[in-house]
Amino acid sequence: MNTCIICQTKQSAQTGICRTCGFPLRLPKFLSEIQYASWMSEEITPRRNQWSHQQEQLEHTAQEIAELKQAVAELQKQNLALTAAIQELPELKRTVAELQKQLQSSPQPTQASVSPAVSPQKPVQPPVQETQVSADKTAELTPQQADYIVSNIGTAILDKAFSEKPFKTVYIPDSIRIIGNEAFKNCTNLKKIHLPESLTFIGHAAFQRCTNLQEIQLPESLTSIGQSAFQDCSSLREIYLLNSLTSLGDRAFNRCTHLQYAYLPESLTSMNDWVFGGCTSLRSIYLPYSLTSIGYAAFQRCTSLWKIQLPKSLTSIGGSAFRECTGLREIYLPESLNEIGRSAFYNVNAIVYYPASCAGKDWVGQNYGGELVWKSY
């Protein structure tokens, strides 16, 4: 382990570069004592001053970021709720039409045929799936409420630091910027965790198989979520990714079997392989207009999806992307689409709506392993 002479964080020197400030960890061995002293005064001191100034600026803007985050999160939840409600509209219309037919065909009771002691019974309305997302923001976890408070570890939580620990609630302070690989993997008792506004990176399998984790509020500072970060978090129900996020790793939310709603930010341009594969309860997802590609098996076995409207920016759909989405009935493809991978709609029975201007493209009219009916619009 080496200590960076700029930011004073301890870390491995395998790369030779500090992960926090980017300064070389190894010093030149050929410097004499005089050269070293000169180098310290001319090179290190200005860099330390610059680093300290940047830290002050970050602390100064932290409060503004927290206020903006709350406003953005509320707007995005409302947007997702509106999208889900629009997707349910055709089903509601069909239900209303069926009820109207039942009322027209059934005889209307007269005043004499109704007993004074018994009121006429209303027709039973079939249940309608609820798609409205709660607008109430879940109360954030405070240090006083947490079973464990992460402390005295610098700016990063190391790989496997708390793997398989019995914590139920964890509070991570604002000094943490990085959560390492498998840091909380197999914490099967973990139900709630506070992530700081300073967090920028969640590593590979950081929360994999946290099977009791029901909610997690991701900060707006987060730019990258690693491979399998939340895989097999089978109790997770909603996920909102904010606009700072630019990288979403393979299998990030794979097999989150109770996940119902997901919101992807406009900062995201591509969806990697298996991201939501096996999310059998996923009913509604917002895909941003910035999205250009959907990876291999990204939505495989999302059996609760019944309609998907792909953004106008999309150019490619990977192989098996919607494989075995057996509940899917309506698919809307954009004019920008150039490629659909092999078996993309395997075992899917749905109507595919495509722009009339795409009639000559190679991907139009094929089945891709399913039973598709193609209609232009």
Protein backbone atom coordinates (compact mmCIF):
# COMPACT_ATOMS: atom_id res chain seq x y z
CA MET A 1 0.00 0.00 0.00
CA ASN A 2 1.23 3.51 -0.86
CA THR A 3 0.06 6.87 0.46
CA CYS A 4 -0.56 9.57 -2.13
CA ILE A 5 1.43 12.68 -1.23
CA ILE A 6 -1.27 14.93 -2.69
CA CYS A 7 -4.57 13.67 -1.24
CA GLN A 8 -3.08 11.41 1.50
CA THR A 9 -5.24 8.38 0.57
CA LYS A 10 -3.84 4.87 0.96
CA GLN A 11 -4.20 2.59 -2.02
CA SER A 12 -2.51 -0.04 -4.15
CA ALA A 13 0.24 1.18 -6.45
CA GLN A 14 -0.38 -1.41 -9.13
CA THR A 15 -1.43 1.24 -11.65
CA GLY A 16 1.10 3.80 -10.46
CA ILE A 17 -1.59 6.51 -10.49
CA CYS A 18 -3.74 7.69 -7.56
CA ARG A 19 -7.39 6.80 -8.21
CA THR A 20 -8.56 9.84 -6.30
CA CYS A 21 -6.44 12.74 -7.61
CA GLY A 22 -4.60 11.21 -10.57
CA PHE A 23 -1.07 11.94 -9.29
CA PRO A 24 1.77 9.37 -9.68
CA LEU A 25 2.19 7.16 -6.60
CA ARG A 26 5.82 6.20 -7.26
CA LEU A 27 8.49 8.90 -6.86
CA PRO A 28 11.59 9.05 -9.09
CA LYS A 29 14.39 7.08 -7.41
CA PHE A 30 17.24 9.02 -9.02
CA LEU A 31 16.50 12.37 -7.30
CA SER A 32 19.11 13.68 -4.88
CA GLU A 33 18.05 15.24 -1.58
CA ILE A 34 18.48 18.75 -3.02
CA GLN A 35 16.54 17.84 -6.16
CA TYR A 36 13.87 16.21 -4.05
CA ALA A 37 13.47 19.33 -1.86
CA SER A 38 13.27 21.53 -4.98
CA TRP A 39 10.77 19.16 -6.56
CA MET A 40 8.65 19.23 -3.42
CA SER A 41 8.52 23.04 -3.35
CA GLU A 42 7.96 23.54 -7.09
CA GLU A 43 5.73 20.56 -7.88
CA ILE A 44 4.07 19.08 -4.80
CA THR A 45 3.13 22.20 -2.82
CA PRO A 46 1.21 23.86 -5.72
CA ARG A 47 -0.56 20.57 -6.40
CA ARG A 48 -1.54 20.20 -2.76
CA ASN A 49 -2.87 23.77 -2.76
CA GLN A 50 -4.82 23.07 -5.94
CA TRP A 51 -6.23 19.88 -4.42
CA SER A 52 -7.27 21.70 -1.23
CA HIS A 53 -8.98 24.40 -3.31
CA GLN A 54 -10.92 21.79 -5.28
CA GLN A 55 -12.02 20.13 -2.05
CA GLU A 56 -13.34 23.45 -0.75
CA GLN A 57 -15.28 24.00 -3.97
CA LEU A 58 -16.83 20.52 -3.71
CA GLU A 59 -17.93 21.13 -0.13
CA HIS A 60 -19.36 24.53 -1.09
CA THR A 61 -21.63 23.04 -3.78
CA ALA A 62 -22.74 19.97 -1.79
CA GLN A 63 -25.80 21.72 -0.33
CA GLU A 64 -26.97 22.97 -3.73
CA ILE A 65 -26.62 19.47 -5.20
CA ALA A 66 -28.74 17.98 -2.40
CA GLU A 67 -31.55 20.48 -3.01
CA LEU A 68 -31.47 20.00 -6.78
CA LYS A 69 -31.42 16.24 -6.42
CA GLN A 70 -34.67 16.18 -4.48
CA ALA A 71 -36.42 18.32 -7.11
CA VAL A 72 -35.09 16.19 -10.01
CA ALA A 73 -36.05 12.94 -8.30
CA GLU A 74 -39.62 14.15 -7.76
CA LEU A 75 -39.96 15.21 -11.41
CA GLN A 76 -38.58 11.92 -12.68
CA LYS A 77 -40.94 9.90 -10.48
CA GLN A 78 -43.88 11.90 -11.82
CA ASN A 79 -42.63 11.32 -15.37
CA LEU A 80 -42.38 7.57 -14.81
CA ALA A 81 -45.86 7.50 -13.26
CA LEU A 82 -47.28 9.34 -16.28
CA THR A 83 -45.54 6.95 -18.69
CA ALA A 84 -46.91 3.93 -16.84
CA ALA A 85 -50.43 5.37 -16.83
CA ILE A 86 -50.29 6.02 -20.60
CA GLN A 87 -49.18 2.44 -21.21
CA GLU A 88 -52.20 1.14 -19.25
CA LEU A 89 -54.70 3.31 -21.16
CA PRO A 90 -55.53 0.77 -23.94
CA GLU A 91 -56.25 -1.93 -21.34
CA LEU A 92 -58.51 0.43 -19.40
CA LYS A 93 -60.40 1.32 -22.57
CA ARG A 94 -61.01 -2.37 -23.32
CA THR A 95 -62.25 -2.92 -19.75
CA VAL A 96 -64.69 0.01 -20.00
CA ALA A 97 -65.99 -1.26 -23.35
CA GLU A 98 -66.62 -4.74 -21.91
CA LEU A 99 -68.50 -3.29 -18.93
CA GLN A 100 -70.65 -1.15 -21.22
CA LYS A 101 -71.58 -4.25 -23.23
CA GLN A 102 -72.49 -6.12 -20.04
CA LEU A 103 -74.69 -3.25 -18.85
CA GLN A 104 -76.45 -2.98 -22.22
CA SER A 105 -77.17 -6.74 -22.40
CA SER A 106 -78.39 -7.15 -18.79
CA PRO A 107 -82.07 -6.27 -17.96
CA GLN A 108 -82.54 -3.09 -15.96
CA PRO A 109 -84.46 -3.61 -12.68
CA THR A 110 -87.60 -1.55 -12.19
CA GLN A 111 -88.53 0.28 -8.99
CA ALA A 112 -91.11 -2.41 -8.12
CA SER A 113 -88.65 -5.27 -8.55
CA VAL A 114 -86.17 -3.93 -5.99
CA SER A 115 -86.80 -4.80 -2.37
CA PRO A 116 -86.79 -1.76 -0.06
CA ALA A 117 -84.49 -3.59 2.34
CA VAL A 118 -81.91 -4.58 -0.30
CA SER A 119 -80.15 -2.17 -2.63
CA PRO A 120 -79.53 -3.24 -6.25
CA GLN A 121 -76.15 -4.93 -6.62
CA LYS A 122 -73.56 -3.20 -8.78
CA PRO A 123 -71.86 -5.18 -11.56
CA VAL A 124 -68.46 -6.50 -10.50
CA GLN A 125 -65.61 -4.65 -12.20
CA PRO A 126 -62.58 -6.79 -13.15
CA PRO A 127 -59.39 -5.79 -11.33
CA VAL A 128 -57.11 -3.35 -13.13
CA GLN A 129 -53.36 -3.50 -12.58
CA GLU A 130 -52.12 -0.47 -10.74
CA THR A 131 -49.24 1.34 -12.43
CA GLN A 132 -49.11 4.57 -10.47
CA VAL A 133 -45.78 5.07 -8.72
CA SER A 134 -46.02 6.57 -5.27
CA ALA A 135 -44.96 10.20 -5.24
CA ASP A 136 -44.04 10.11 -1.56
CA LYS A 137 -40.32 10.16 -1.08
CA THR A 138 -39.11 7.52 1.34
CA ALA A 139 -37.53 9.00 4.42
CA GLU A 140 -33.76 8.94 4.20
CA LEU A 141 -31.77 6.87 6.66
CA THR A 142 -30.02 8.92 9.35
CA PRO A 143 -26.84 7.95 11.24
CA GLN A 144 -28.88 7.52 14.42
CA GLN A 145 -31.13 4.94 12.73
CA ALA A 146 -28.34 2.86 11.20
CA ASP A 147 -26.98 -0.40 12.60
CA TYR A 148 -23.56 0.47 11.24
CA ILE A 149 -21.83 3.71 10.19
CA VAL A 150 -18.91 3.42 7.78
CA SER A 151 -15.99 5.51 9.11
CA ASN A 152 -12.22 6.04 9.06
CA ILE A 153 -11.61 4.50 5.63
CA GLY A 154 -10.75 7.54 3.47
CA THR A 155 -12.64 8.11 0.24
CA ALA A 156 -13.17 4.52 -0.90
CA ILE A 157 -14.74 1.34 0.49
CA LEU A 158 -12.34 -1.46 -0.40
CA ASP A 159 -13.25 -4.64 -2.29
CA LYS A 160 -15.17 -7.17 -0.17
CA ALA A 161 -14.93 -4.83 2.85
CA PHE A 162 -18.34 -5.77 4.27
CA SER A 163 -19.21 -8.88 2.27
CA GLU A 164 -21.57 -11.28 4.09
CA LYS A 165 -21.91 -9.00 7.15
CA PRO A 166 -25.22 -9.22 9.10
CA PHE A 167 -26.05 -5.48 8.93
CA LYS A 168 -29.70 -4.47 8.38
CA THR A 169 -29.14 -0.73 7.90
CA VAL A 170 -25.90 1.01 6.88
CA TYR A 171 -25.00 4.70 6.71
CA ILE A 172 -22.18 5.75 4.36
CA PRO A 173 -20.82 9.29 5.02
CA ASP A 174 -20.19 12.03 2.48
CA SER A 175 -16.44 11.40 2.32
CA ILE A 176 -16.94 8.18 0.30
CA ARG A 177 -16.60 8.43 -3.48
CA ILE A 178 -16.05 4.81 -4.45
CA ILE A 179 -17.73 1.56 -3.36
CA GLY A 180 -15.37 -1.27 -4.32
CA ASN A 181 -16.07 -4.62 -5.95
CA GLU A 182 -18.22 -7.00 -3.88
CA ALA A 183 -18.14 -4.51 -0.99
CA PHE A 184 -21.58 -5.57 0.33
CA LYS A 185 -22.03 -8.80 -1.61
CA ASN A 186 -24.20 -11.45 0.08
CA CYS A 187 -25.36 -9.09 2.86
CA THR A 188 -28.67 -10.93 2.89
CA ASN A 189 -30.01 -9.06 5.95
CA LEU A 190 -29.41 -5.58 4.48
CA LYS A 191 -32.72 -3.72 4.02
CA LYS A 192 -31.68 -0.08 3.70
CA ILE A 193 -28.50 1.84 2.98
CA HIS A 194 -27.69 5.55 2.76
CA LEU A 195 -25.46 6.48 -0.18
CA PRO A 196 -23.67 9.87 0.03
CA GLU A 197 -23.90 12.75 -2.43
CA SER A 198 -20.15 12.39 -3.03
CA LEU A 199 -20.46 8.87 -4.50
CA THR A 200 -19.37 8.54 -8.14
CA PHE A 201 -18.67 4.83 -8.66
CA ILE A 202 -20.29 1.52 -7.59
CA GLY A 203 -18.06 -1.47 -8.34
CA HIS A 204 -18.60 -4.95 -9.71
CA ALA A 205 -21.14 -7.02 -7.70
CA ALA A 206 -21.06 -4.40 -4.93
CA PHE A 207 -24.58 -5.30 -3.71
CA GLN A 208 -25.07 -8.65 -5.43
CA ARG A 209 -27.45 -11.00 -3.63
CA CYS A 210 -28.56 -8.45 -1.03
CA THR A 211 -31.85 -10.30 -1.13
CA ASN A 212 -33.67 -8.17 1.48
CA LEU A 213 -32.73 -4.78 0.00
CA GLN A 214 -36.10 -3.24 -0.87
CA GLU A 215 -35.08 0.30 -1.81
CA ILE A 216 -31.99 2.28 -2.66
CA GLN A 217 -31.72 5.98 -3.46
CA LEU A 218 -28.87 6.59 -5.86
CA PRO A 219 -27.19 10.03 -5.67
CA GLU A 220 -27.02 12.45 -8.58
CA SER A 221 -23.22 12.40 -8.37
CA LEU A 222 -23.14 8.73 -9.47
CA THR A 223 -21.56 8.27 -12.92
CA SER A 224 -20.90 4.53 -13.15
CA ILE A 225 -22.57 1.30 -11.96
CA GLY A 226 -20.43 -1.81 -12.37
CA GLN A 227 -21.23 -5.25 -13.70
CA SER A 228 -23.73 -7.27 -11.60
CA ALA A 229 -23.83 -4.43 -9.04
CA PHE A 230 -27.41 -5.25 -7.93
CA GLN A 231 -27.80 -8.70 -9.46
CA ASP A 232 -30.16 -11.01 -7.54
CA CYS A 233 -31.46 -8.20 -5.29
CA SER A 234 -34.77 -10.02 -5.38
CA SER A 235 -36.68 -7.62 -3.05
CA LEU A 236 -35.81 -4.41 -4.94
CA ARG A 237 -39.01 -2.86 -6.37
CA GLU A 238 -38.12 0.48 -7.99
CA ILE A 239 -34.97 2.02 -9.41
CA TYR A 240 -34.40 5.62 -10.53
CA LEU A 241 -31.12 6.41 -12.27
CA LEU A 242 -30.29 10.12 -12.39
CA ASN A 243 -28.80 12.20 -15.19
CA SER A 244 -25.15 12.00 -14.12
CA LEU A 245 -25.01 8.26 -14.95
CA THR A 246 -23.12 7.42 -18.14
CA SER A 247 -22.17 3.76 -17.63
CA LEU A 248 -24.44 0.84 -16.65
CA GLY A 249 -22.59 -2.50 -16.53
CA ASP A 250 -23.67 -5.93 -17.75
CA ARG A 251 -26.26 -7.66 -15.52
CA ALA A 252 -26.49 -4.56 -13.31
CA PHE A 253 -30.06 -5.45 -12.24
CA ASN A 254 -30.21 -9.00 -13.56
CA ARG A 255 -32.74 -11.30 -11.82
CA CYS A 256 -34.21 -8.58 -9.60
CA THR A 257 -37.39 -10.61 -9.63
CA HIS A 258 -39.59 -8.10 -7.75
CA LEU A 259 -38.45 -5.01 -9.68
CA GLN A 260 -41.56 -3.37 -11.17
CA TYR A 261 -40.49 0.11 -12.31
CA ALA A 262 -37.24 1.47 -13.73
CA TYR A 263 -36.20 4.91 -14.96
CA LEU A 264 -33.12 5.36 -17.17
CA PRO A 265 -31.61 8.87 -17.50
CA GLU A 266 -31.05 10.94 -20.62
CA SER A 267 -27.29 10.78 -19.98
CA LEU A 268 -27.27 7.08 -20.87
CA THR A 269 -26.59 6.21 -24.53
CA SER A 270 -26.30 2.41 -24.45
CA MET A 271 -27.73 -0.50 -22.47
CA ASN A 272 -25.32 -3.39 -21.94
CA ASP A 273 -26.01 -7.13 -21.97
CA TRP A 274 -28.48 -8.74 -19.53
CA VAL A 275 -29.05 -5.46 -17.64
CA PHE A 276 -32.68 -6.30 -16.77
CA GLY A 277 -32.64 -9.96 -17.82
CA GLY A 278 -34.85 -12.15 -15.65
CA CYS A 279 -36.72 -9.22 -14.05
CA THR A 280 -39.99 -11.14 -14.24
CA SER A 281 -42.08 -8.46 -12.45
CA LEU A 282 -40.88 -5.50 -14.53
CA ARG A 283 -44.03 -3.77 -15.83
CA SER A 284 -42.88 -0.30 -16.84
CA ILE A 285 -39.55 1.21 -17.87
CA TYR A 286 -38.63 4.64 -19.18
CA LEU A 287 -36.08 4.51 -22.00
CA PRO A 288 -34.37 7.87 -22.68
CA TYR A 289 -34.29 9.60 -26.06
CA SER A 290 -30.50 9.47 -25.89
CA LEU A 291 -30.44 5.64 -26.05
CA THR A 292 -28.87 4.27 -29.26
CA SER A 293 -28.40 0.55 -28.53
CA ILE A 294 -29.92 -2.26 -26.46
CA GLY A 295 -27.51 -5.10 -25.61
CA TYR A 296 -27.76 -8.87 -25.79
CA ALA A 297 -30.61 -10.32 -23.67
CA ALA A 298 -31.11 -6.93 -21.99
CA PHE A 299 -34.79 -7.72 -21.24
CA GLN A 300 -34.81 -11.51 -21.59
CA ARG A 301 -37.60 -13.18 -19.60
CA CYS A 302 -39.20 -9.90 -18.51
CA THR A 303 -42.53 -11.70 -18.63
CA SER A 304 -44.63 -8.85 -17.13
CA LEU A 305 -43.81 -6.36 -19.90
CA TRP A 306 -46.82 -6.07 -22.21
CA LYS A 307 -45.85 -3.01 -24.25
CA ILE A 308 -42.52 -1.43 -25.21
CA GLN A 309 -42.04 1.84 -27.07
CA LEU A 310 -38.44 2.25 -28.19
CA PRO A 311 -36.96 5.78 -28.42
CA LYS A 312 -36.45 7.59 -31.71
CA SER A 313 -32.67 7.61 -31.18
CA LEU A 314 -32.34 3.79 -31.15
CA THR A 315 -30.26 2.23 -33.95
CA SER A 316 -29.71 -1.36 -32.82
CA ILE A 317 -31.42 -4.12 -30.80
CA GLY A 318 -29.13 -6.93 -29.66
CA GLY A 319 -29.72 -10.66 -30.03
CA SER A 320 -32.26 -12.18 -27.60
CA ALA A 321 -32.97 -8.67 -26.29
CA PHE A 322 -36.65 -9.44 -25.60
CA ARG A 323 -36.40 -13.23 -25.69
CA GLU A 324 -39.23 -15.03 -23.84
CA CYS A 325 -41.02 -11.81 -22.91
CA THR A 326 -44.20 -13.86 -23.11
CA GLY A 327 -46.49 -11.06 -21.90
CA LEU A 328 -45.39 -8.63 -24.62
CA ARG A 329 -48.27 -7.67 -26.95
CA GLU A 330 -47.27 -4.34 -28.54
CA ILE A 331 -43.86 -3.25 -29.84
CA TYR A 332 -43.21 0.19 -31.34
CA LEU A 333 -40.04 0.51 -33.41
CA PRO A 334 -38.47 3.87 -34.45
CA GLU A 335 -37.43 5.04 -37.90
CA SER A 336 -33.80 5.31 -36.76
CA LEU A 337 -33.51 1.52 -36.25
CA ASN A 338 -30.95 -0.21 -38.50
CA GLU A 339 -30.42 -3.63 -36.94
CA ILE A 340 -32.28 -6.29 -34.93
CA GLY A 341 -30.22 -9.20 -33.60
CA ARG A 342 -30.92 -12.92 -33.86
CA SER A 343 -33.80 -14.27 -31.73
CA ALA A 344 -34.49 -10.76 -30.41
CA PHE A 345 -38.21 -11.62 -29.99
CA TYR A 346 -37.95 -15.39 -29.45
CA ASN A 347 -41.23 -16.90 -28.13
CA VAL A 348 -42.97 -13.49 -28.31
CA ASN A 349 -46.49 -13.20 -29.75
CA ALA A 350 -47.06 -9.50 -30.45
CA ILE A 351 -47.98 -6.80 -32.94
CA VAL A 352 -44.96 -4.82 -34.18
CA TYR A 353 -45.65 -1.26 -35.28
CA TYR A 354 -43.01 0.28 -37.57
CA PRO A 355 -42.78 3.51 -39.64
CA ALA A 356 -44.03 3.19 -43.20
CA SER A 357 -40.77 4.78 -44.35
CA CYS A 358 -38.89 1.66 -43.11
CA ALA A 359 -40.80 -0.73 -45.37
CA GLY A 360 -37.69 -1.52 -47.43
CA LYS A 361 -35.34 -2.23 -44.53
CA ASP A 362 -34.02 -5.75 -43.95
CA TRP A 363 -35.33 -6.05 -40.40
CA VAL A 364 -38.99 -5.51 -41.35
CA GLY A 365 -41.26 -8.55 -41.61
CA GLN A 366 -39.06 -11.16 -39.91
CA ASN A 367 -40.17 -13.21 -36.91
CA TYR A 368 -36.91 -13.33 -34.90
CA GLY A 369 -38.02 -16.58 -33.27
CA GLY A 370 -41.51 -15.37 -32.34
CA GLU A 371 -44.96 -14.93 -33.87
CA LEU A 372 -44.99 -11.28 -34.91
CA VAL A 373 -47.63 -9.37 -36.86
CA TRP A 374 -46.09 -6.35 -38.62
CA LYS A 375 -48.14 -3.19 -39.12
CA SER A 376 -46.94 0.14 -40.50
CA TYR A 377 -47.92 3.54 -39.17
